[in-house]
């Protein structure tokens, strides 16, 4: 019988009177993170029963738009990397990276 190890990641969302996020914090004790503040988060969860992605997309009302653009670009780059590691599909990962370059160019994120 194997021993099961668990790890917990916790998100705390503080809302204003209109239920708009004012503050996001997260904790991942195994990673040495304790109540770190964040301005935005995108969480995707695969439901294998229904074969669909469930999502939580949150950002604080003081998240600057220019930082949101950078956040999305970096997320797309990370998704291309994760896709390649998960599928070994180098050609499609390269296509995804081409799009991230185009995205950054159109938003003038890179010099």
PDB file of N, CA and C in Angstrom:
ATOM      1  N   UNK A   1       0.848  -1.191   0.000  1.00  0.00           N
ATOM      2  CA  UNK A   1       0.000   0.000   0.000  1.00  0.00           C
ATOM      3  C   UNK A   1       0.889   1.248   0.000  1.00  0.00           C
ATOM      4  N   UNK A   2       0.648   2.172  -0.914  1.00  0.00           N
ATOM      5  CA  UNK A   2       1.486   3.366  -0.999  1.00  0.00           C
ATOM      6  C   UNK A   2       0.960   4.467  -0.081  1.00  0.00           C
ATOM      7  N   UNK A   3       1.885   5.272   0.378  1.00  0.00           N
ATOM      8  CA  UNK A   3       1.511   6.437   1.179  1.00  0.00           C
ATOM      9  C   UNK A   3       1.157   7.580   0.246  1.00  0.00           C
ATOM     10  N   UNK A   4       0.048   8.230   0.494  1.00  0.00           N
ATOM     11  CA  UNK A   4      -0.392   9.347  -0.326  1.00  0.00           C
ATOM     12  C   UNK A   4       0.093  10.648   0.293  1.00  0.00           C
ATOM     13  N   UNK A   5       0.649  11.496  -0.542  1.00  0.00           N
ATOM     14  CA  UNK A   5       1.086  12.812  -0.103  1.00  0.00           C
ATOM     15  C   UNK A   5       0.140  13.822  -0.721  1.00  0.00           C
ATOM     16  N   UNK A   6      -0.283  14.781   0.059  1.00  0.00           N
ATOM     17  CA  UNK A   6      -1.144  15.838  -0.469  1.00  0.00           C
ATOM     18  C   UNK A   6      -0.450  17.183  -0.317  1.00  0.00           C
ATOM     19  N   UNK A   7      -0.825  18.085  -1.173  1.00  0.00           N
ATOM     20  CA  UNK A   7      -0.308  19.445  -1.148  1.00  0.00           C
ATOM     21  C   UNK A   7      -1.486  20.373  -1.405  1.00  0.00           C
ATOM     22  N   UNK A   8      -1.511  21.491  -0.719  1.00  0.00           N
ATOM     23  CA  UNK A   8      -2.648  22.402  -0.845  1.00  0.00           C
ATOM     24  C   UNK A   8      -2.185  23.753  -1.369  1.00  0.00           C
ATOM     25  N   UNK A   9      -2.952  24.287  -2.314  1.00  0.00           N
ATOM     26  CA  UNK A   9      -2.770  25.648  -2.803  1.00  0.00           C
ATOM     27  C   UNK A   9      -4.071  26.375  -2.486  1.00  0.00           C
ATOM     28  N   UNK A  10      -3.952  27.509  -1.821  1.00  0.00           N
ATOM     29  CA  UNK A  10      -5.142  28.224  -1.351  1.00  0.00           C
ATOM     30  C   UNK A  10      -5.158  29.639  -1.939  1.00  0.00           C
ATOM     31  N   UNK A  11      -6.333  30.049  -2.434  1.00  0.00           N
ATOM     32  CA  UNK A  11      -6.539  31.392  -2.947  1.00  0.00           C
ATOM     33  C   UNK A  11      -7.560  32.092  -2.063  1.00  0.00           C
ATOM     34  N   UNK A  12      -7.295  33.336  -1.719  1.00  0.00           N
ATOM     35  CA  UNK A  12      -8.235  34.142  -0.942  1.00  0.00           C
ATOM     36  C   UNK A  12      -8.560  35.384  -1.761  1.00  0.00           C
ATOM     37  N   UNK A  13      -9.854  35.643  -1.942  1.00  0.00           N
ATOM     38  CA  UNK A  13     -10.309  36.779  -2.735  1.00  0.00           C
ATOM     39  C   UNK A  13     -11.105  37.708  -1.833  1.00  0.00           C
ATOM     40  N   UNK A  14     -10.619  38.933  -1.684  1.00  0.00           N
ATOM     41  CA  UNK A  14     -11.354  39.943  -0.925  1.00  0.00           C
ATOM     42  C   UNK A  14     -12.146  40.783  -1.911  1.00  0.00           C
ATOM     43  N   UNK A  15     -13.454  40.918  -1.647  1.00  0.00           N
ATOM     44  CA  UNK A  15     -14.358  41.606  -2.565  1.00  0.00           C
ATOM     45  C   UNK A  15     -14.836  42.925  -1.973  1.00  0.00           C
ATOM     46  N   UNK A  16     -15.170  43.881  -2.852  1.00  0.00           N
ATOM     47  CA  UNK A  16     -15.793  45.112  -2.377  1.00  0.00           C
ATOM     48  C   UNK A  16     -17.298  44.887  -2.225  1.00  0.00           C
ATOM     49  N   UNK A  17     -18.018  45.936  -1.937  1.00  0.00           N
ATOM     50  CA  UNK A  17     -19.465  45.813  -1.705  1.00  0.00           C
ATOM     51  C   UNK A  17     -20.231  45.363  -2.953  1.00  0.00           C
ATOM     52  N   UNK A  18     -19.617  45.507  -4.124  1.00  0.00           N
ATOM     53  CA  UNK A  18     -20.242  45.077  -5.380  1.00  0.00           C
ATOM     54  C   UNK A  18     -19.707  43.722  -5.850  1.00  0.00           C
ATOM     55  N   UNK A  19     -18.985  43.045  -4.974  1.00  0.00           N
ATOM     56  CA  UNK A  19     -18.408  41.726  -5.218  1.00  0.00           C
ATOM     57  C   UNK A  19     -17.343  41.734  -6.319  1.00  0.00           C
ATOM     58  N   UNK A  20     -16.658  42.871  -6.447  1.00  0.00           N
ATOM     59  CA  UNK A  20     -15.544  43.006  -7.376  1.00  0.00           C
ATOM     60  C   UNK A  20     -14.260  42.753  -6.581  1.00  0.00           C
ATOM     61  N   UNK A  21     -13.372  41.916  -7.107  1.00  0.00           N
ATOM     62  CA  UNK A  21     -12.140  41.620  -6.356  1.00  0.00           C
ATOM     63  C   UNK A  21     -11.299  42.872  -6.086  1.00  0.00           C
ATOM     64  N   UNK A  22     -10.958  43.061  -4.816  1.00  0.00           N
ATOM     65  CA  UNK A  22     -10.077  44.154  -4.414  1.00  0.00           C
ATOM     66  C   UNK A  22      -8.674  43.646  -4.106  1.00  0.00           C
ATOM     67  N   UNK A  23      -8.607  42.413  -3.605  1.00  0.00           N
ATOM     68  CA  UNK A  23      -7.316  41.859  -3.213  1.00  0.00           C
ATOM     69  C   UNK A  23      -7.328  40.354  -3.434  1.00  0.00           C
ATOM     70  N   UNK A  24      -6.242  39.842  -4.020  1.00  0.00           N
ATOM     71  CA  UNK A  24      -6.052  38.403  -4.201  1.00  0.00           C
ATOM     72  C   UNK A  24      -4.779  38.009  -3.467  1.00  0.00           C
ATOM     73  N   UNK A  25      -4.872  36.952  -2.673  1.00  0.00           N
ATOM     74  CA  UNK A  25      -3.668  36.397  -2.050  1.00  0.00           C
ATOM     75  C   UNK A  25      -3.691  34.890  -2.254  1.00  0.00           C
ATOM     76  N   UNK A  26      -2.488  34.300  -2.220  1.00  0.00           N
ATOM     77  CA  UNK A  26      -2.399  32.860  -2.392  1.00  0.00           C
ATOM     78  C   UNK A  26      -1.310  32.305  -1.501  1.00  0.00           C
ATOM     79  N   UNK A  27      -1.521  31.040  -1.140  1.00  0.00           N
ATOM     80  CA  UNK A  27      -0.595  30.322  -0.272  1.00  0.00           C
ATOM     81  C   UNK A  27      -0.333  28.947  -0.867  1.00  0.00           C
ATOM     82  N   UNK A  28       0.936  28.571  -0.910  1.00  0.00           N
ATOM     83  CA  UNK A  28       1.355  27.229  -1.324  1.00  0.00           C
ATOM     84  C   UNK A  28       2.538  26.882  -0.425  1.00  0.00           C
ATOM     85  N   UNK A  29       2.236  26.337   0.732  1.00  0.00           N
ATOM     86  CA  UNK A  29       3.276  26.119   1.735  1.00  0.00           C
ATOM     87  C   UNK A  29       4.408  25.236   1.223  1.00  0.00           C
ATOM     88  N   UNK A  30       4.087  24.227   0.405  1.00  0.00           N
ATOM     89  CA  UNK A  30       5.149  23.370  -0.146  1.00  0.00           C
ATOM     90  C   UNK A  30       6.113  24.154  -1.021  1.00  0.00           C
ATOM     91  N   UNK A  31       5.654  25.261  -1.599  1.00  0.00           N
ATOM     92  CA  UNK A  31       6.497  26.089  -2.449  1.00  0.00           C
ATOM     93  C   UNK A  31       7.067  27.297  -1.720  1.00  0.00           C
ATOM     94  N   UNK A  32       6.814  27.364  -0.421  1.00  0.00           N
ATOM     95  CA  UNK A  32       7.337  28.485   0.353  1.00  0.00           C
ATOM     96  C   UNK A  32       6.584  29.785   0.151  1.00  0.00           C
ATOM     97  N   UNK A  33       5.336  29.699  -0.292  1.00  0.00           N
ATOM     98  CA  UNK A  33       4.527  30.887  -0.537  1.00  0.00           C
ATOM     99  C   UNK A  33       3.489  31.004   0.572  1.00  0.00           C
ATOM    100  N   UNK A  34       3.444  32.165   1.209  1.00  0.00           N
ATOM    101  CA  UNK A  34       2.502  32.384   2.313  1.00  0.00           C
ATOM    102  C   UNK A  34       1.832  33.738   2.139  1.00  0.00           C
ATOM    103  N   UNK A  35       0.550  33.731   1.803  1.00  0.00           N
ATOM    104  CA  UNK A  35      -0.255  34.939   1.638  1.00  0.00           C
ATOM    105  C   UNK A  35       0.406  35.985   0.739  1.00  0.00           C
ATOM    106  N   UNK A  36       0.881  35.536  -0.406  1.00  0.00           N
ATOM    107  CA  UNK A  36       1.466  36.448  -1.396  1.00  0.00           C
ATOM    108  C   UNK A  36       0.347  37.147  -2.154  1.00  0.00           C
ATOM    109  N   UNK A  37       0.506  38.440  -2.354  1.00  0.00           N
ATOM    110  CA  UNK A  37      -0.508  39.200  -3.068  1.00  0.00           C
ATOM    111  C   UNK A  37      -0.319  39.061  -4.576  1.00  0.00           C
ATOM    112  N   UNK A  38      -1.424  39.030  -5.287  1.00  0.00           N
ATOM    113  CA  UNK A  38      -1.428  38.970  -6.750  1.00  0.00           C
ATOM    114  C   UNK A  38      -2.478  39.947  -7.259  1.00  0.00           C
ATOM    115  N   UNK A  39      -2.323  40.372  -8.486  1.00  0.00           N
ATOM    116  CA  UNK A  39      -3.298  41.275  -9.106  1.00  0.00           C
ATOM    117  C   UNK A  39      -4.252  40.547 -10.042  1.00  0.00           C
ATOM    118  N   UNK A  40      -3.858  39.328 -10.485  1.00  0.00           N
ATOM    119  CA  UNK A  40      -4.700  38.573 -11.415  1.00  0.00           C
ATOM    120  C   UNK A  40      -4.374  37.096 -11.317  1.00  0.00           C
ATOM    121  N   UNK A  41      -5.345  36.269 -11.703  1.00  0.00           N
ATOM    122  CA  UNK A  41      -5.135  34.829 -11.773  1.00  0.00           C
ATOM    123  C   UNK A  41      -6.050  34.234 -12.823  1.00  0.00           C
ATOM    124  N   UNK A  42      -5.539  33.221 -13.508  1.00  0.00           N
ATOM    125  CA  UNK A  42      -6.322  32.442 -14.468  1.00  0.00           C
ATOM    126  C   UNK A  42      -6.139  30.988 -14.069  1.00  0.00           C
ATOM    127  N   UNK A  43      -7.219  30.311 -13.770  1.00  0.00           N
ATOM    128  CA  UNK A  43      -7.149  28.914 -13.341  1.00  0.00           C
ATOM    129  C   UNK A  43      -8.055  28.089 -14.245  1.00  0.00           C
ATOM    130  N   UNK A  44      -7.488  27.049 -14.850  1.00  0.00           N
ATOM    131  CA  UNK A  44      -8.259  26.137 -15.698  1.00  0.00           C
ATOM    132  C   UNK A  44      -8.217  24.749 -15.086  1.00  0.00           C
ATOM    133  N   UNK A  45      -9.362  24.104 -15.036  1.00  0.00           N
ATOM    134  CA  UNK A  45      -9.478  22.763 -14.467  1.00  0.00           C
ATOM    135  C   UNK A  45     -10.194  21.883 -15.480  1.00  0.00           C
ATOM    136  N   UNK A  46      -9.613  20.727 -15.785  1.00  0.00           N
ATOM    137  CA  UNK A  46     -10.203  19.803 -16.748  1.00  0.00           C
ATOM    138  C   UNK A  46     -11.175  18.874 -16.036  1.00  0.00           C
ATOM    139  N   UNK A  47     -12.414  18.877 -16.482  1.00  0.00           N
ATOM    140  CA  UNK A  47     -13.430  17.944 -15.983  1.00  0.00           C
ATOM    141  C   UNK A  47     -13.495  16.781 -16.963  1.00  0.00           C
ATOM    142  N   UNK A  48     -12.909  15.654 -16.598  1.00  0.00           N
ATOM    143  CA  UNK A  48     -12.832  14.527 -17.531  1.00  0.00           C
ATOM    144  C   UNK A  48     -14.183  13.848 -17.732  1.00  0.00           C
ATOM    145  N   UNK A  49     -15.108  14.035 -16.818  1.00  0.00           N
ATOM    146  CA  UNK A  49     -16.436  13.436 -16.999  1.00  0.00           C
ATOM    147  C   UNK A  49     -17.206  14.133 -18.113  1.00  0.00           C
ATOM    148  N   UNK A  50     -17.166  15.464 -18.097  1.00  0.00           N
ATOM    149  CA  UNK A  50     -17.923  16.227 -19.099  1.00  0.00           C
ATOM    150  C   UNK A  50     -17.072  16.642 -20.292  1.00  0.00           C
ATOM    151  N   UNK A  51     -15.760  16.351 -20.214  1.00  0.00           N
ATOM    152  CA  UNK A  51     -14.823  16.711 -21.282  1.00  0.00           C
ATOM    153  C   UNK A  51     -14.858  18.207 -21.582  1.00  0.00           C
ATOM    154  N   UNK A  52     -14.791  19.008 -20.508  1.00  0.00           N
ATOM    155  CA  UNK A  52     -14.772  20.453 -20.686  1.00  0.00           C
ATOM    156  C   UNK A  52     -13.871  21.113 -19.649  1.00  0.00           C
ATOM    157  N   UNK A  53     -13.437  22.295 -19.998  1.00  0.00           N
ATOM    158  CA  UNK A  53     -12.577  23.074 -19.117  1.00  0.00           C
ATOM    159  C   UNK A  53     -13.431  23.997 -18.267  1.00  0.00           C
ATOM    160  N   UNK A  54     -13.165  23.966 -16.968  1.00  0.00           N
ATOM    161  CA  UNK A  54     -13.807  24.876 -16.018  1.00  0.00           C
ATOM    162  C   UNK A  54     -12.785  25.961 -15.703  1.00  0.00           C
ATOM    163  N   UNK A  55     -13.237  27.196 -15.574  1.00  0.00           N
ATOM    164  CA  UNK A  55     -12.274  28.288 -15.416  1.00  0.00           C
ATOM    165  C   UNK A  55     -12.674  29.234 -14.309  1.00  0.00           C
ATOM    166  N   UNK A  56     -11.645  29.798 -13.692  1.00  0.00           N
ATOM    167  CA  UNK A  56     -11.798  30.919 -12.778  1.00  0.00           C
ATOM    168  C   UNK A  56     -10.814  31.979 -13.258  1.00  0.00           C
ATOM    169  N   UNK A  57     -11.317  33.100 -13.718  1.00  0.00           N
ATOM    170  CA  UNK A  57     -10.495  34.214 -14.185  1.00  0.00           C
ATOM    171  C   UNK A  57     -10.823  35.416 -13.305  1.00  0.00           C
ATOM    172  N   UNK A  58      -9.846  35.862 -12.533  1.00  0.00           N
ATOM    173  CA  UNK A  58     -10.068  36.980 -11.621  1.00  0.00           C
ATOM    174  C   UNK A  58      -8.940  37.993 -11.734  1.00  0.00           C
ATOM    175  N   UNK A  59      -9.279  39.257 -11.568  1.00  0.00           N
ATOM    176  CA  UNK A  59      -8.267  40.298 -11.467  1.00  0.00           C
ATOM    177  C   UNK A  59      -8.831  41.393 -10.574  1.00  0.00           C
ATOM    178  N   UNK A  60      -7.940  42.064  -9.880  1.00  0.00           N
ATOM    179  CA  UNK A  60      -8.368  43.134  -8.976  1.00  0.00           C
ATOM    180  C   UNK A  60      -8.719  44.373  -9.780  1.00  0.00           C
ATOM    181  N   UNK A  61      -9.544  45.203  -9.182  1.00  0.00           N
ATOM    182  CA  UNK A  61      -9.982  46.395  -9.905  1.00  0.00           C
ATOM    183  C   UNK A  61      -8.857  47.397 -10.128  1.00  0.00           C
ATOM    184  N   UNK A  62      -7.735  47.217  -9.443  1.00  0.00           N
ATOM    185  CA  UNK A  62      -6.612  48.117  -9.667  1.00  0.00           C
ATOM    186  C   UNK A  62      -5.511  47.486 -10.520  1.00  0.00           C
ATOM    187  N   UNK A  63      -5.819  46.380 -11.202  1.00  0.00           N
ATOM    188  CA  UNK A  63      -4.853  45.759 -12.113  1.00  0.00           C
ATOM    189  C   UNK A  63      -4.684  46.670 -13.323  1.00  0.00           C
ATOM    190  N   UNK A  64      -3.471  47.182 -13.557  1.00  0.00           N
ATOM    191  CA  UNK A  64      -3.262  48.067 -14.713  1.00  0.00           C
ATOM    192  C   UNK A  64      -3.416  47.313 -16.037  1.00  0.00           C
ATOM    193  N   UNK A  65      -4.009  47.962 -17.021  1.00  0.00           N
ATOM    194  CA  UNK A  65      -4.243  47.337 -18.325  1.00  0.00           C
ATOM    195  C   UNK A  65      -2.924  46.943 -18.979  1.00  0.00           C
ATOM    196  N   UNK A  66      -1.886  47.770 -18.866  1.00  0.00           N
ATOM    197  CA  UNK A  66      -0.612  47.421 -19.491  1.00  0.00           C
ATOM    198  C   UNK A  66      -0.023  46.156 -18.856  1.00  0.00           C
ATOM    199  N   UNK A  67      -0.202  45.976 -17.540  1.00  0.00           N
ATOM    200  CA  UNK A  67       0.254  44.755 -16.885  1.00  0.00           C
ATOM    201  C   UNK A  67      -0.610  43.555 -17.273  1.00  0.00           C
ATOM    202  N   UNK A  68      -1.909  43.777 -17.508  1.00  0.00           N
ATOM    203  CA  UNK A  68      -2.787  42.689 -17.941  1.00  0.00           C
ATOM    204  C   UNK A  68      -2.344  42.162 -19.302  1.00  0.00           C
ATOM    205  N   UNK A  69      -1.926  43.042 -20.187  1.00  0.00           N
ATOM    206  CA  UNK A  69      -1.446  42.625 -21.509  1.00  0.00           C
ATOM    207  C   UNK A  69      -0.187  41.774 -21.376  1.00  0.00           C
ATOM    208  N   UNK A  70       0.724  42.182 -20.510  1.00  0.00           N
ATOM    209  CA  UNK A  70       1.951  41.403 -20.267  1.00  0.00           C
ATOM    210  C   UNK A  70       1.603  40.062 -19.636  1.00  0.00           C
ATOM    211  N   UNK A  71       0.686  40.080 -18.679  1.00  0.00           N
ATOM    212  CA  UNK A  71       0.238  38.852 -18.008  1.00  0.00           C
ATOM    213  C   UNK A  71      -0.319  37.861 -19.026  1.00  0.00           C
ATOM    214  N   UNK A  72      -1.162  38.331 -19.928  1.00  0.00           N
ATOM    215  CA  UNK A  72      -1.725  37.441 -20.946  1.00  0.00           C
ATOM    216  C   UNK A  72      -0.640  36.909 -21.875  1.00  0.00           C
ATOM    217  N   UNK A  73       0.280  37.766 -22.290  1.00  0.00           N
ATOM    218  CA  UNK A  73       1.349  37.313 -23.166  1.00  0.00           C
ATOM    219  C   UNK A  73       2.168  36.221 -22.490  1.00  0.00           C
ATOM    220  N   UNK A  74       2.583  36.458 -21.254  1.00  0.00           N
ATOM    221  CA  UNK A  74       3.387  35.469 -20.539  1.00  0.00           C
ATOM    222  C   UNK A  74       2.604  34.175 -20.324  1.00  0.00           C
ATOM    223  N   UNK A  75       1.303  34.273 -20.098  1.00  0.00           N
ATOM    224  CA  UNK A  75       0.462  33.087 -19.929  1.00  0.00           C
ATOM    225  C   UNK A  75       0.394  32.289 -21.224  1.00  0.00           C
ATOM    226  N   UNK A  76       0.237  32.979 -22.347  1.00  0.00           N
ATOM    227  CA  UNK A  76       0.198  32.285 -23.640  1.00  0.00           C
ATOM    228  C   UNK A  76       1.520  31.590 -23.939  1.00  0.00           C
ATOM    229  N   UNK A  77       2.646  32.240 -23.641  1.00  0.00           N
ATOM    230  CA  UNK A  77       3.956  31.624 -23.837  1.00  0.00           C
ATOM    231  C   UNK A  77       4.075  30.369 -22.970  1.00  0.00           C
ATOM    232  N   UNK A  78       3.656  30.475 -21.718  1.00  0.00           N
ATOM    233  CA  UNK A  78       3.716  29.326 -20.809  1.00  0.00           C
ATOM    234  C   UNK A  78       2.819  28.193 -21.293  1.00  0.00           C
ATOM    235  N   UNK A  79       1.660  28.531 -21.861  1.00  0.00           N
ATOM    236  CA  UNK A  79       0.764  27.503 -22.387  1.00  0.00           C
ATOM    237  C   UNK A  79       1.401  26.757 -23.549  1.00  0.00           C
ATOM    238  N   UNK A  80       2.123  27.466 -24.403  1.00  0.00           N
ATOM    239  CA  UNK A  80       2.811  26.811 -25.518  1.00  0.00           C
ATOM    240  C   UNK A  80       3.860  25.839 -24.988  1.00  0.00           C
ATOM    241  N   UNK A  81       4.607  26.261 -23.984  1.00  0.00           N
ATOM    242  CA  UNK A  81       5.614  25.389 -23.377  1.00  0.00           C
ATOM    243  C   UNK A  81       4.970  24.164 -22.734  1.00  0.00           C
ATOM    244  N   UNK A  82       3.896  24.388 -21.992  1.00  0.00           N
ATOM    245  CA  UNK A  82       3.197  23.283 -21.329  1.00  0.00           C
ATOM    246  C   UNK A  82       2.598  22.331 -22.350  1.00  0.00           C
ATOM    247  N   UNK A  83       2.015  22.887 -23.414  1.00  0.00           N
ATOM    248  CA  UNK A  83       1.446  22.054 -24.475  1.00  0.00           C
ATOM    249  C   UNK A  83       2.505  21.133 -25.059  1.00  0.00           C
ATOM    250  N   UNK A  84       3.694  21.682 -25.318  1.00  0.00           N
ATOM    251  CA  UNK A  84       4.762  20.859 -25.898  1.00  0.00           C
ATOM    252  C   UNK A  84       5.204  19.764 -24.928  1.00  0.00           C
ATOM    253  N   UNK A  85       5.373  20.106 -23.654  1.00  0.00           N
ATOM    254  CA  UNK A  85       5.762  19.082 -22.664  1.00  0.00           C
ATOM    255  C   UNK A  85       4.698  17.999 -22.520  1.00  0.00           C
ATOM    256  N   UNK A  86       3.435  18.400 -22.592  1.00  0.00           N
ATOM    257  CA  UNK A  86       2.340  17.449 -22.376  1.00  0.00           C
ATOM    258  C   UNK A  86       2.067  16.557 -23.578  1.00  0.00           C
ATOM    259  N   UNK A  87       2.312  17.085 -24.788  1.00  0.00           N
ATOM    260  CA  UNK A  87       1.927  16.347 -25.998  1.00  0.00           C
ATOM    261  C   UNK A  87       3.099  15.933 -26.876  1.00  0.00           C
ATOM    262  N   UNK A  88       4.260  16.516 -26.659  1.00  0.00           N
ATOM    263  CA  UNK A  88       5.433  16.323 -27.516  1.00  0.00           C
ATOM    264  C   UNK A  88       5.164  16.771 -28.959  1.00  0.00           C
ATOM    265  N   UNK A  89       4.185  17.627 -29.152  1.00  0.00           N
ATOM    266  CA  UNK A  89       3.847  18.138 -30.483  1.00  0.00           C
ATOM    267  C   UNK A  89       4.625  19.440 -30.710  1.00  0.00           C
ATOM    268  N   UNK A  90       5.852  19.278 -31.198  1.00  0.00           N
ATOM    269  CA  UNK A  90       6.744  20.420 -31.389  1.00  0.00           C
ATOM    270  C   UNK A  90       6.224  21.391 -32.458  1.00  0.00           C
ATOM    271  N   UNK A  91       5.625  20.840 -33.508  1.00  0.00           N
ATOM    272  CA  UNK A  91       5.152  21.684 -34.604  1.00  0.00           C
ATOM    273  C   UNK A  91       4.025  22.619 -34.143  1.00  0.00           C
ATOM    274  N   UNK A  92       3.054  22.087 -33.418  1.00  0.00           N
ATOM    275  CA  UNK A  92       1.958  22.939 -32.956  1.00  0.00           C
ATOM    276  C   UNK A  92       2.440  23.912 -31.885  1.00  0.00           C
ATOM    277  N   UNK A  93       3.360  23.475 -31.039  1.00  0.00           N
ATOM    278  CA  UNK A  93       3.923  24.385 -30.030  1.00  0.00           C
ATOM    279  C   UNK A  93       4.634  25.555 -30.713  1.00  0.00           C
ATOM    280  N   UNK A  94       5.344  25.264 -31.787  1.00  0.00           N
ATOM    281  CA  UNK A  94       6.011  26.327 -32.538  1.00  0.00           C
ATOM    282  C   UNK A  94       4.987  27.285 -33.149  1.00  0.00           C
ATOM    283  N   UNK A  95       3.891  26.744 -33.633  1.00  0.00           N
ATOM    284  CA  UNK A  95       2.815  27.576 -34.185  1.00  0.00           C
ATOM    285  C   UNK A  95       2.232  28.473 -33.090  1.00  0.00           C
ATOM    286  N   UNK A  96       2.053  27.902 -31.916  1.00  0.00           N
ATOM    287  CA  UNK A  96       1.550  28.695 -30.790  1.00  0.00           C
ATOM    288  C   UNK A  96       2.532  29.810 -30.437  1.00  0.00           C
ATOM    289  N   UNK A  97       3.824  29.506 -30.471  1.00  0.00           N
ATOM    290  CA  UNK A  97       4.838  30.521 -30.170  1.00  0.00           C
ATOM    291  C   UNK A  97       4.849  31.617 -31.241  1.00  0.00           C
ATOM    292  N   UNK A  98       4.598  31.233 -32.494  1.00  0.00           N
ATOM    293  CA  UNK A  98       4.477  32.247 -33.554  1.00  0.00           C
ATOM    294  C   UNK A  98       3.359  33.216 -33.211  1.00  0.00           C
ATOM    295  N   UNK A  99       2.242  32.678 -32.720  1.00  0.00           N
ATOM    296  CA  UNK A  99       1.131  33.548 -32.333  1.00  0.00           C
ATOM    297  C   UNK A  99       1.515  34.447 -31.165  1.00  0.00           C
ATOM    298  N   UNK A 100       2.240  33.905 -30.176  1.00  0.00           N
ATOM    299  CA  UNK A 100       2.619  34.737 -29.030  1.00  0.00           C
ATOM    300  C   UNK A 100       3.539  35.876 -29.476  1.00  0.00           C
ATOM    301  N   UNK A 101       4.394  35.614 -30.468  1.00  0.00           N
ATOM    302  CA  UNK A 101       5.239  36.677 -31.016  1.00  0.00           C
ATOM    303  C   UNK A 101       4.378  37.742 -31.702  1.00  0.00           C
ATOM    304  N   UNK A 102       3.391  37.296 -32.480  1.00  0.00           N
ATOM    305  CA  UNK A 102       2.461  38.209 -33.150  1.00  0.00           C
ATOM    306  C   UNK A 102       1.678  39.030 -32.122  1.00  0.00           C
ATOM    307  N   UNK A 103       1.200  38.372 -31.081  1.00  0.00           N
ATOM    308  CA  UNK A 103       0.447  39.016 -30.003  1.00  0.00           C
ATOM    309  C   UNK A 103       1.289  40.124 -29.383  1.00  0.00           C
ATOM    310  N   UNK A 104       2.547  39.804 -29.036  1.00  0.00           N
ATOM    311  CA  UNK A 104       3.442  40.773 -28.412  1.00  0.00           C
ATOM    312  C   UNK A 104       3.732  41.938 -29.359  1.00  0.00           C
ATOM    313  N   UNK A 105       3.914  41.626 -30.640  1.00  0.00           N
ATOM    314  CA  UNK A 105       4.180  42.675 -31.619  1.00  0.00           C
ATOM    315  C   UNK A 105       3.006  43.634 -31.731  1.00  0.00           C
ATOM    316  N   UNK A 106       1.791  43.089 -31.852  1.00  0.00           N
ATOM    317  CA  UNK A 106       0.598  43.934 -32.008  1.00  0.00           C
ATOM    318  C   UNK A 106       0.331  44.779 -30.765  1.00  0.00           C
ATOM    319  N   UNK A 107       0.695  44.259 -29.591  1.00  0.00           N
ATOM    320  CA  UNK A 107       0.513  45.028 -28.359  1.00  0.00           C
ATOM    321  C   UNK A 107       1.742  45.861 -28.009  1.00  0.00           C
ATOM    322  N   UNK A 108       2.748  45.779 -28.881  1.00  0.00           N
ATOM    323  CA  UNK A 108       3.991  46.511 -28.690  1.00  0.00           C
ATOM    324  C   UNK A 108       4.637  46.180 -27.344  1.00  0.00           C
ATOM    325  N   UNK A 109       4.682  44.877 -27.051  1.00  0.00           N
ATOM    326  CA  UNK A 109       5.281  44.419 -25.786  1.00  0.00           C
ATOM    327  C   UNK A 109       6.760  44.159 -25.912  1.00  0.00           C
ATOM    328  N   UNK A 110       7.212  43.893 -27.134  1.00  0.00           N
ATOM    329  CA  UNK A 110       8.628  43.613 -27.365  1.00  0.00           C
ATOM    330  C   UNK A 110       9.221  44.700 -28.247  1.00  0.00           C
ATOM    331  N   UNK A 111      10.521  44.943 -28.055  1.00  0.00           N
ATOM    332  CA  UNK A 111      11.211  45.963 -28.840  1.00  0.00           C
ATOM    333  C   UNK A 111      11.611  45.512 -30.196  1.00  0.00           C
TER     334      UNK A 111
END
